Amino acid sequence: MHVPDGVAAPRRPDQIVTRKLRLRDVLRADVPAIYGALARDRTGEDRLVRLTYRFVHWLERGGRRAVQAYVVTPLPLLWAWRRGDGTWAGQVHKHYLRALWREQSAARKAGLLLGLLTWLPIVLVMIAWSSWLNGSMVRRKTGKSVTRQAIEQLWFAARYGMLPPWYYIFEMFEPRQQAKAPHYIHRYELKNGLLQILRRSVPATLRSPTQNKIAFLRRCSKAGIRSVPNYAVVKGGRIQLRGIERRQFLSQDLFVKPARGRGGEGAGLWQRRPKGYRLQDGATLSPQKLLKHLGRLSRTKTLLVQPRVRNHSAIADLSNGALCTARIVTMRTESGGYEAVCALFRMAVGENRQVDNFHAGGIAAPIDVLTGRLGAATDWGLRPHHGWRTHHPDTGGQIEGRILPLWAETRALAERAHGAFEDRHVLGWDMAILEDGPAIVEANGGPDTDMHQRVSREPLGNQRFGELMAFHLRNL
């Protein structure tokens, strides 16, 4: 479409942020900008988005082996067969390192060993990058020089396999945190191996669905587990309503997300207005045009349409408009039951009023699993931004010390729901606490432990999570 000079182009209906991803965003680890660009680039036109996504995908899922090295061969591989300290975290670390070695062919074993030659230059580059992002802020906060921080990053990477960005994420610059270093269970150990090993222990025909949201919601419904209802599926340009009349369907706010995916990718809240529907800062569409728009999108990606649900009134002041969710991790116990082992509460902040996850720039607070009490909230910690918040940055609502409503019921629902996915050793549940009770939004078969360890300032390796993970790995 030709637009005359001096005239602004009309906004697309799904356009929230107009600019494309910049190299500066990637170098600055601006995760919300990267995430936003990925969600917007539905047609694959942004080359930098494609390259960034493929690179991250390769880091976490590259190769055909179930167990992968992340970025560089971990130096602790050299002493993986030494007798460990017997701690739960130590057992988990050794299981990952030994599985990494055993999974490889002779040629790939040689490649792993050769990779140790590149360990130092790669880690030094990562130290330079992470220190550039965070070093000055930490120096002002603690008085610790950037040189001292760099030396500590090198030590933690060599001794514990904790790569430089996680030195800042887990605040290893604080003396009280350094003694906890052996007990952190790293994302790459789980995502790149141990969760895959546990998953492979179950025959493919018996594995329950989590990424396929349609199949997941169907399984919840069959088991009598309350979840956010599914109003429609949009696939191949056609919309299929599920137990709702068209007039009622088009009379309310709608939340649209891909039927497959994770991290809220491509999700959007279409708010009903007198003249039609609007996606945050995009153009307003009539109901008929919205259906056509969703139909076009569904030719490349099946969509799920759900009603907008709102948080319980007791926590409404912790929302900037997006739904806040509790992420509860449940695990199968030694006796075959299911137990909630850690939890956090996620909140959207700033311009994002669509989803509450870290990747979109949100913040999260740890939840005491027994009482439902919140701690102070923070962001991912990859670069200095939010710090630690006792109150919501937008609404001013108190976070720290607050007790979530209906917490006992919310935790119980997550534990009961795990029983409907009994093949899974570990599940991360996204739970909405509504006025009339909790409801499951979705589940994650590979929950991100970094979030929990970051917001709680405590490693999971010396907690119930580490105990059960070590138990299941021993008993494979």
Protein backbone atom coordinates (compact mmCIF):
# COMPACT_ATOMS: atom_id res chain seq x y z
CA MET A 1 0.00 0.00 0.00
CA HIS A 2 1.43 3.39 -0.99
CA VAL A 3 1.39 6.04 1.75
CA PRO A 4 2.07 9.69 0.73
CA ASP A 5 5.01 11.47 2.35
CA GLY A 6 4.12 13.10 5.65
CA VAL A 7 1.11 10.81 6.21
CA ALA A 8 1.34 8.11 8.87
CA ALA A 9 0.53 4.61 7.72
CA PRO A 10 -2.60 3.14 9.32
CA ARG A 11 -1.94 0.75 12.17
CA ARG A 12 -2.30 -2.93 11.55
CA PRO A 13 -4.84 -4.65 13.79
CA ASP A 14 -2.14 -6.76 15.47
CA GLN A 15 0.49 -4.01 15.63
CA ILE A 16 1.43 -3.09 19.19
CA VAL A 17 4.99 -1.80 18.70
CA THR A 18 5.82 -0.47 15.25
CA ARG A 19 9.60 -0.75 15.02
CA LYS A 20 11.47 -3.88 14.06
CA LEU A 21 13.98 -5.63 16.27
CA ARG A 22 17.33 -3.86 16.40
CA LEU A 23 20.77 -5.40 16.89
CA ARG A 24 21.15 -3.08 19.88
CA ASP A 25 18.15 -4.79 21.52
CA VAL A 26 19.84 -8.18 21.17
CA LEU A 27 23.23 -6.96 22.44
CA ARG A 28 21.58 -5.28 25.41
CA ALA A 29 19.63 -8.45 26.23
CA ASP A 30 16.37 -6.52 25.96
CA VAL A 31 14.24 -9.63 26.34
CA PRO A 32 10.87 -7.80 26.18
CA ALA A 33 11.88 -6.18 22.86
CA ILE A 34 13.02 -9.54 21.47
CA TYR A 35 9.88 -11.26 22.70
CA GLY A 36 7.64 -8.49 21.33
CA ALA A 37 9.32 -8.63 17.94
CA LEU A 38 8.93 -12.41 17.84
CA ALA A 39 5.21 -12.14 18.68
CA ARG A 40 4.66 -9.46 16.01
CA ASP A 41 6.65 -11.09 13.22
CA ARG A 42 3.93 -13.50 12.14
CA THR A 43 5.08 -13.57 8.51
CA GLY A 44 8.81 -14.04 9.15
CA GLU A 45 9.78 -10.75 7.51
CA ASP A 46 12.13 -9.58 10.29
CA ARG A 47 15.42 -11.29 9.48
CA LEU A 48 17.02 -10.45 12.83
CA VAL A 49 14.07 -11.99 14.66
CA ARG A 50 14.48 -15.21 12.69
CA LEU A 51 18.23 -15.38 13.31
CA THR A 52 17.87 -14.66 17.04
CA TYR A 53 15.10 -17.22 17.46
CA ARG A 54 17.03 -19.90 15.57
CA PHE A 55 20.17 -19.22 17.59
CA VAL A 56 18.38 -19.53 20.94
CA HIS A 57 16.52 -22.62 19.71
CA TRP A 58 19.83 -24.17 18.65
CA LEU A 59 21.39 -23.44 22.04
CA GLU A 60 18.58 -25.15 23.92
CA ARG A 61 17.45 -27.84 21.50
CA GLY A 62 20.27 -28.15 18.99
CA GLY A 63 21.36 -31.52 17.66
CA ARG A 64 19.63 -34.87 17.74
CA ARG A 65 20.80 -36.01 21.14
CA ALA A 66 18.53 -35.74 24.17
CA VAL A 67 21.36 -34.35 26.30
CA GLN A 68 23.13 -31.25 25.04
CA ALA A 69 25.93 -28.95 26.13
CA TYR A 70 24.88 -25.30 26.41
CA VAL A 71 27.12 -22.77 24.60
CA VAL A 72 30.33 -24.51 25.69
CA THR A 73 31.39 -27.86 27.18
CA PRO A 74 31.02 -27.44 30.97
CA LEU A 75 34.39 -27.63 32.69
CA PRO A 76 33.02 -29.79 35.57
CA LEU A 77 32.76 -32.60 33.00
CA LEU A 78 36.45 -33.25 33.77
CA TRP A 79 35.66 -34.37 37.32
CA ALA A 80 32.17 -35.76 36.76
CA TRP A 81 33.23 -39.28 37.81
CA ARG A 82 34.80 -38.21 41.06
CA ARG A 83 32.90 -39.09 44.19
CA GLY A 84 30.39 -36.37 44.92
CA ASP A 85 29.34 -34.69 48.14
CA GLY A 86 26.13 -36.72 48.34
CA THR A 87 23.83 -33.68 48.27
CA TRP A 88 20.69 -33.73 46.14
CA ALA A 89 22.06 -30.98 43.91
CA GLY A 90 25.38 -32.82 43.57
CA GLN A 91 23.54 -35.95 42.39
CA VAL A 92 21.59 -33.93 39.83
CA HIS A 93 24.73 -32.22 38.49
CA LYS A 94 26.60 -35.50 38.13
CA HIS A 95 23.66 -37.23 36.45
CA TYR A 96 23.56 -34.49 33.82
CA LEU A 97 27.33 -34.52 33.18
CA ARG A 98 27.55 -38.31 32.97
CA ALA A 99 24.51 -38.49 30.70
CA LEU A 100 26.04 -35.79 28.50
CA TRP A 101 29.13 -37.96 28.06
CA ARG A 102 27.35 -41.31 27.63
CA GLU A 103 24.93 -39.98 25.01
CA GLN A 104 27.71 -39.12 22.59
CA SER A 105 29.33 -41.26 19.93
CA ALA A 106 33.12 -41.62 19.98
CA ALA A 107 33.47 -38.74 17.51
CA ARG A 108 31.16 -36.51 19.54
CA LYS A 109 33.03 -37.39 22.74
CA ALA A 110 36.16 -36.14 21.03
CA GLY A 111 34.25 -33.00 20.04
CA LEU A 112 33.21 -32.42 23.66
CA LEU A 113 36.82 -32.68 24.80
CA LEU A 114 38.03 -30.41 22.01
CA GLY A 115 35.34 -28.00 23.07
CA LEU A 116 37.19 -27.56 26.34
CA LEU A 117 39.89 -25.76 24.36
CA THR A 118 37.35 -23.07 23.47
CA TRP A 119 35.97 -22.86 27.00
CA LEU A 120 38.15 -19.97 28.16
CA PRO A 121 37.71 -17.62 25.16
CA ILE A 122 33.93 -18.20 25.04
CA VAL A 123 33.52 -17.64 28.78
CA LEU A 124 35.69 -14.51 28.62
CA VAL A 125 33.45 -13.09 25.89
CA MET A 126 30.39 -13.86 28.04
CA ILE A 127 32.06 -12.21 31.05
CA ALA A 128 32.76 -9.08 29.02
CA TRP A 129 29.15 -8.96 27.80
CA SER A 130 27.45 -9.60 31.13
CA SER A 131 29.82 -7.20 32.93
CA TRP A 132 29.01 -4.52 30.35
CA LEU A 133 25.32 -4.97 31.09
CA ASN A 134 25.52 -5.15 34.88
CA GLY A 135 28.99 -4.36 36.20
CA SER A 136 28.55 -0.63 36.84
CA MET A 137 25.25 -1.12 38.64
CA VAL A 138 26.71 -3.79 40.92
CA ARG A 139 29.78 -1.64 41.61
CA ARG A 140 27.54 1.21 42.74
CA LYS A 141 25.42 -1.13 44.85
CA THR A 142 28.14 -3.21 46.53
CA GLY A 143 31.41 -1.36 46.01
CA LYS A 144 32.82 -4.44 44.26
CA SER A 145 34.96 -3.48 41.27
CA VAL A 146 34.09 -4.72 37.78
CA THR A 147 37.45 -6.53 37.68
CA ARG A 148 36.60 -8.39 40.88
CA GLN A 149 33.20 -9.29 39.45
CA ALA A 150 34.87 -10.64 36.30
CA ILE A 151 37.23 -12.83 38.33
CA GLU A 152 34.32 -14.21 40.34
CA GLN A 153 32.36 -14.95 37.17
CA LEU A 154 35.32 -16.95 35.85
CA TRP A 155 35.55 -18.92 39.10
CA PHE A 156 31.85 -19.80 39.29
CA ALA A 157 31.83 -20.82 35.62
CA ALA A 158 34.88 -23.06 36.10
CA ARG A 159 33.95 -24.62 39.42
CA TYR A 160 30.17 -24.94 39.20
CA GLY A 161 29.29 -24.57 35.51
CA MET A 162 27.43 -21.33 36.33
CA LEU A 163 27.81 -19.22 33.18
CA PRO A 164 28.46 -15.45 33.59
CA PRO A 165 24.90 -14.13 33.01
CA TRP A 166 23.68 -16.32 35.88
CA TYR A 167 26.28 -14.75 38.19
CA TYR A 168 24.06 -11.66 37.99
CA ILE A 169 20.71 -13.45 37.75
CA PHE A 170 21.43 -15.34 41.00
CA GLU A 171 23.26 -12.35 42.55
CA MET A 172 26.50 -14.21 43.19
CA PHE A 173 28.15 -10.82 43.77
CA GLU A 174 26.51 -10.90 47.22
CA PRO A 175 28.66 -12.80 49.79
CA ARG A 176 25.59 -14.46 51.35
CA GLN A 177 24.67 -15.94 47.95
CA GLN A 178 28.07 -17.38 47.08
CA ALA A 179 27.89 -20.27 49.53
CA LYS A 180 24.69 -21.42 47.79
CA ALA A 181 26.37 -21.76 44.38
CA PRO A 182 26.75 -25.60 44.43
CA HIS A 183 23.03 -26.04 45.03
CA TYR A 184 21.63 -24.13 42.04
CA ILE A 185 20.14 -26.44 39.39
CA HIS A 186 20.79 -24.84 36.04
CA ARG A 187 18.29 -24.38 33.27
CA TYR A 188 20.60 -26.03 30.74
CA GLU A 189 20.87 -29.16 32.90
CA LEU A 190 17.09 -29.59 32.85
CA LYS A 191 16.04 -28.20 29.46
CA ASN A 192 19.03 -29.69 27.67
CA GLY A 193 18.92 -33.09 29.25
CA LEU A 194 17.41 -34.29 32.49
CA LEU A 195 13.79 -33.49 31.69
CA GLN A 196 14.27 -35.14 28.32
CA ILE A 197 15.68 -38.23 30.05
CA LEU A 198 12.69 -38.41 32.38
CA ARG A 199 10.32 -37.88 29.46
CA ARG A 200 11.95 -40.64 27.40
CA SER A 201 11.40 -43.09 30.26
CA VAL A 202 7.71 -43.08 29.27
CA PRO A 203 6.71 -44.65 25.90
CA ALA A 204 5.72 -42.02 23.35
CA THR A 205 2.21 -43.47 23.02
CA LEU A 206 1.59 -42.89 26.75
CA ARG A 207 2.85 -39.33 27.01
CA SER A 208 0.26 -36.75 27.97
CA PRO A 209 -0.06 -33.44 26.07
CA THR A 210 1.01 -30.05 27.41
CA GLN A 211 2.23 -28.03 24.40
CA ASN A 212 -0.88 -28.93 22.41
CA LYS A 213 -3.28 -26.70 24.30
CA ILE A 214 -6.42 -28.11 22.67
CA ALA A 215 -5.54 -31.66 23.68
CA PHE A 216 -4.44 -30.42 27.09
CA LEU A 217 -7.77 -28.68 27.81
CA ARG A 218 -9.67 -31.72 26.54
CA ARG A 219 -7.78 -33.94 28.98
CA CYS A 220 -8.47 -31.54 31.87
CA SER A 221 -12.17 -31.50 31.03
CA LYS A 222 -12.34 -35.29 30.89
CA ALA A 223 -10.66 -35.52 34.32
CA GLY A 224 -12.97 -32.90 35.85
CA ILE A 225 -10.14 -30.41 36.32
CA ARG A 226 -11.29 -26.80 36.13
CA SER A 227 -9.54 -24.76 33.45
CA VAL A 228 -10.20 -21.55 31.54
CA PRO A 229 -12.81 -22.58 28.93
CA ASN A 230 -12.07 -22.92 25.25
CA TYR A 231 -14.61 -20.95 23.21
CA ALA A 232 -13.30 -21.59 19.73
CA VAL A 233 -10.57 -23.09 17.59
CA VAL A 234 -9.50 -21.20 14.47
CA LYS A 235 -7.72 -23.44 11.98
CA GLY A 236 -7.03 -23.19 8.27
CA GLY A 237 -9.11 -20.02 7.97
CA ARG A 238 -12.19 -21.50 9.63
CA ILE A 239 -13.56 -20.83 13.11
CA GLN A 240 -15.12 -23.66 15.12
CA LEU A 241 -17.21 -22.51 18.10
CA ARG A 242 -17.25 -24.80 21.13
CA GLY A 243 -20.54 -24.77 23.06
CA ILE A 244 -21.29 -21.06 22.66
CA GLU A 245 -23.54 -19.02 20.39
CA ARG A 246 -21.96 -16.62 17.91
CA ARG A 247 -23.74 -13.58 19.39
CA GLN A 248 -22.54 -14.35 22.92
CA PHE A 249 -19.07 -15.13 21.61
CA LEU A 250 -18.74 -11.69 19.98
CA SER A 251 -20.14 -9.73 22.90
CA GLN A 252 -17.12 -9.96 25.24
CA ASP A 253 -13.35 -9.56 25.49
CA LEU A 254 -11.47 -12.44 23.90
CA PHE A 255 -8.01 -13.83 24.58
CA VAL A 256 -6.36 -15.41 21.55
CA LYS A 257 -3.23 -17.58 21.62
CA PRO A 258 -1.59 -20.25 19.45
CA ALA A 259 -2.81 -23.77 20.07
CA ARG A 260 0.83 -24.83 20.29
CA GLY A 261 3.60 -22.82 21.87
CA ARG A 262 5.06 -21.61 25.12
CA GLY A 263 5.84 -18.44 27.03
CA GLY A 264 2.76 -16.57 25.76
CA GLU A 265 4.15 -16.37 22.21
CA GLY A 266 1.67 -14.62 19.93
CA ALA A 267 -0.98 -14.24 22.63
CA GLY A 268 -3.24 -11.21 22.57
CA LEU A 269 -6.20 -9.73 24.42
CA TRP A 270 -8.87 -8.37 22.05
CA GLN A 271 -10.98 -5.92 24.05
CA ARG A 272 -14.60 -5.33 23.05
CA ARG A 273 -15.35 -1.70 22.27
CA PRO A 274 -18.59 -0.05 21.04
CA LYS A 275 -17.22 -0.05 17.49
CA GLY A 276 -15.58 -3.46 17.58
CA TYR A 277 -12.42 -5.12 18.89
CA ARG A 278 -9.01 -3.67 19.64
CA LEU A 279 -5.68 -5.36 20.44
CA GLN A 280 -3.93 -3.01 22.89
CA ASP A 281 -2.58 -0.17 20.66
CA GLY A 282 -3.65 -1.62 17.32
CA ALA A 283 -6.50 -0.62 15.02
CA THR A 284 -10.14 -1.29 15.90
CA LEU A 285 -11.86 -4.05 13.92
CA SER A 286 -15.53 -4.82 13.58
CA PRO A 287 -16.49 -8.28 14.92
CA GLN A 288 -16.76 -9.60 11.35
CA LYS A 289 -13.34 -8.22 10.41
CA LEU A 290 -11.84 -9.67 13.57
CA LEU A 291 -13.05 -13.12 12.56
CA LYS A 292 -11.55 -12.65 9.08
CA HIS A 293 -8.30 -11.41 10.61
CA LEU A 294 -8.05 -14.46 12.90
CA GLY A 295 -8.90 -16.67 9.95
CA ARG A 296 -5.96 -15.27 7.99
CA LEU A 297 -3.59 -15.81 10.91
CA SER A 298 -4.83 -19.36 11.38
CA ARG A 299 -3.66 -20.39 7.91
CA THR A 300 -0.14 -20.67 9.34
CA LYS A 301 -0.90 -21.30 13.02
CA THR A 302 -3.94 -22.84 14.73
CA LEU A 303 -5.43 -20.45 17.28
CA LEU A 304 -7.30 -20.95 20.53
CA VAL A 305 -9.92 -18.37 21.61
CA GLN A 306 -10.86 -18.07 25.27
CA PRO A 307 -12.89 -15.59 27.33
CA ARG A 308 -11.04 -12.91 29.23
CA VAL A 309 -10.90 -13.85 32.89
CA ARG A 310 -10.09 -11.46 35.71
CA ASN A 311 -8.22 -11.92 38.94
CA HIS A 312 -9.90 -12.20 42.32
CA SER A 313 -10.83 -8.76 43.68
CA ALA A 314 -8.41 -9.22 46.58
CA ILE A 315 -5.45 -9.09 44.15
CA ALA A 316 -6.92 -6.82 41.46
CA ASP A 317 -4.46 -4.06 42.39
CA LEU A 318 -1.56 -6.31 41.33
CA SER A 319 -2.72 -6.24 37.70
CA ASN A 320 -2.12 -3.50 35.11
CA GLY A 321 -4.86 -5.06 32.99
CA ALA A 322 -3.25 -8.40 32.15
CA LEU A 323 -4.20 -11.56 34.01
CA CYS A 324 -1.80 -12.38 36.86
CA THR A 325 -1.03 -16.07 37.27
CA ALA A 326 0.60 -18.29 39.85
CA ARG A 327 3.22 -20.68 38.44
CA ILE A 328 3.16 -23.78 40.63
CA VAL A 329 5.62 -26.61 40.04
CA THR A 330 4.36 -30.04 41.10
CA MET A 331 6.35 -33.26 41.18
CA ARG A 332 5.57 -36.92 41.57
CA THR A 333 6.58 -38.02 45.08
CA GLU A 334 8.41 -41.13 46.27
CA SER A 335 5.08 -42.80 47.09
CA GLY A 336 3.43 -41.92 43.76
CA GLY A 337 1.48 -38.89 44.93
CA TYR A 338 1.90 -35.31 43.70
CA GLU A 339 3.30 -32.36 45.62
CA ALA A 340 3.68 -28.64 44.97
CA VAL A 341 7.38 -27.96 45.55
CA CYS A 342 7.76 -24.28 44.58
CA ALA A 343 5.62 -21.41 43.32
CA LEU A 344 5.72 -17.79 42.21
CA PHE A 345 3.24 -15.07 41.30
CA ARG A 346 3.65 -13.29 37.95
CA MET A 347 2.52 -9.76 37.13
CA ALA A 348 2.66 -7.69 33.94
CA VAL A 349 4.12 -4.19 34.17
CA GLY A 350 4.58 -1.15 31.93
CA GLU A 351 3.25 -0.96 28.41
CA ASN A 352 2.64 -4.69 28.17
CA ARG A 353 -0.94 -5.42 29.19
CA GLN A 354 -1.23 -8.75 27.40
CA VAL A 355 0.70 -11.46 29.27
CA ASP A 356 2.50 -11.64 32.60
CA ASN A 357 5.58 -13.75 31.86
CA PHE A 358 9.23 -12.75 32.33
CA HIS A 359 9.95 -12.78 28.60
CA ALA A 360 7.40 -10.03 28.04
CA GLY A 361 9.03 -7.87 30.71
CA GLY A 362 6.90 -8.93 33.67
CA ILE A 363 7.90 -9.32 37.30
CA ALA A 364 7.33 -12.18 39.72
CA ALA A 365 7.29 -12.71 43.47
CA PRO A 366 8.03 -15.96 45.33
CA ILE A 367 5.08 -17.68 47.00
CA ASP A 368 5.48 -19.56 50.25
CA VAL A 369 3.98 -22.88 49.17
CA LEU A 370 2.50 -23.59 52.59
CA THR A 371 0.93 -20.21 53.34
CA GLY A 372 0.53 -18.36 50.03
CA ARG A 373 2.52 -15.36 51.32
CA LEU A 374 4.36 -13.29 48.69
CA GLY A 375 7.92 -12.02 48.88
CA ALA A 376 9.37 -9.02 47.06
CA ALA A 377 9.08 -9.12 43.26
CA THR A 378 11.73 -8.78 40.58
CA ASP A 379 12.35 -9.40 36.88
CA TRP A 380 14.61 -11.91 35.15
CA GLY A 381 17.75 -10.12 36.33
CA LEU A 382 19.62 -10.50 33.05
CA ARG A 383 20.21 -6.75 33.07
CA PRO A 384 19.46 -4.04 35.67
CA HIS A 385 15.92 -2.80 35.28
CA HIS A 386 13.32 -3.41 37.98
CA GLY A 387 15.50 -4.47 40.90
CA TRP A 388 13.37 -5.67 43.83
CA ARG A 389 9.87 -4.32 44.32
CA THR A 390 7.74 -4.41 47.47
CA HIS A 391 4.87 -2.72 45.57
CA HIS A 392 3.61 -3.01 41.99
CA PRO A 393 5.42 -0.41 39.81
CA ASP A 394 2.23 0.65 38.01
CA THR A 395 -0.60 0.28 40.51
CA GLY A 396 1.21 0.73 43.80
CA GLY A 397 -0.42 -2.41 45.19
CA GLN A 398 1.51 -4.06 48.00
CA ILE A 399 3.30 -7.25 46.97
CA GLU A 400 5.67 -8.27 49.74
CA GLY A 401 3.92 -9.84 52.73
CA ARG A 402 0.61 -10.21 50.94
CA ILE A 403 -1.26 -13.52 51.28
CA LEU A 404 -2.97 -14.75 48.13
CA PRO A 405 -6.70 -15.52 48.37
CA LEU A 406 -7.85 -19.11 47.94
CA TRP A 407 -4.26 -20.32 48.08
CA ALA A 408 -5.02 -23.70 49.67
CA GLU A 409 -7.59 -24.39 46.92
CA THR A 410 -5.18 -23.24 44.19
CA ARG A 411 -2.37 -25.46 45.39
CA ALA A 412 -4.73 -28.42 45.82
CA LEU A 413 -6.04 -28.00 42.26
CA ALA A 414 -2.50 -28.10 40.83
CA GLU A 415 -1.66 -31.24 42.81
CA ARG A 416 -4.90 -32.93 41.78
CA ALA A 417 -4.43 -31.93 38.15
CA HIS A 418 -1.02 -33.60 38.06
CA GLY A 419 -2.83 -36.87 38.67
CA ALA A 420 -4.50 -36.50 35.24
CA PHE A 421 -1.01 -36.31 33.68
CA GLU A 422 0.45 -39.15 35.69
CA ASP A 423 3.25 -39.94 33.22
CA ARG A 424 4.91 -36.60 33.97
CA HIS A 425 7.51 -36.42 36.73
CA VAL A 426 7.48 -32.59 36.77
CA LEU A 427 4.87 -30.06 35.63
CA GLY A 428 4.62 -26.29 35.85
CA TRP A 429 1.02 -25.04 36.19
CA ASP A 430 -0.14 -21.55 35.28
CA MET A 431 -3.06 -20.91 37.62
CA ALA A 432 -5.53 -18.03 37.59
CA ILE A 433 -7.05 -17.14 40.97
CA LEU A 434 -10.57 -15.94 40.11
CA GLU A 435 -13.42 -14.64 42.25
CA ASP A 436 -15.14 -18.03 42.25
CA GLY A 437 -12.01 -20.14 42.66
CA PRO A 438 -8.82 -21.16 40.87
CA ALA A 439 -8.65 -22.29 37.24
CA ILE A 440 -5.82 -23.73 35.18
CA VAL A 441 -4.65 -21.60 32.27
CA GLU A 442 -2.09 -24.05 30.90
CA ALA A 443 0.75 -26.37 31.89
CA ASN A 444 4.42 -26.55 30.99
CA GLY A 445 6.18 -29.90 30.74
CA GLY A 446 9.59 -28.22 31.10
CA PRO A 447 9.11 -25.50 33.72
CA ASP A 448 11.88 -22.93 33.99
CA THR A 449 13.62 -23.34 37.35
CA ASP A 450 15.64 -20.12 36.87
CA MET A 451 12.52 -18.06 37.57
CA HIS A 452 11.95 -19.71 40.94
CA GLN A 453 15.58 -19.57 42.00
CA ARG A 454 15.87 -15.94 40.92
CA VAL A 455 12.81 -14.60 42.75
CA SER A 456 13.33 -16.64 45.93
CA ARG A 457 17.11 -16.02 46.05
CA GLU A 458 17.37 -19.67 47.02
CA PRO A 459 18.62 -22.67 45.00
CA LEU A 460 16.21 -25.52 44.34
CA GLY A 461 18.90 -28.17 44.68
CA ASN A 462 18.79 -28.16 48.48
CA GLN A 463 14.99 -28.05 48.65
CA ARG A 464 12.21 -30.55 47.97
CA PHE A 465 12.61 -30.04 44.19
CA GLY A 466 16.22 -31.23 44.32
CA GLU A 467 15.34 -34.14 46.59
CA LEU A 468 12.64 -35.44 44.25
CA MET A 469 14.68 -34.80 41.10
CA ALA A 470 17.58 -36.80 42.54
CA PHE A 471 15.16 -39.57 43.57
CA HIS A 472 13.62 -39.90 40.10
CA LEU A 473 17.00 -39.84 38.35
CA ARG A 474 18.32 -42.59 40.65
CA ASN A 475 15.27 -44.74 39.97
CA LEU A 476 15.07 -44.48 36.17
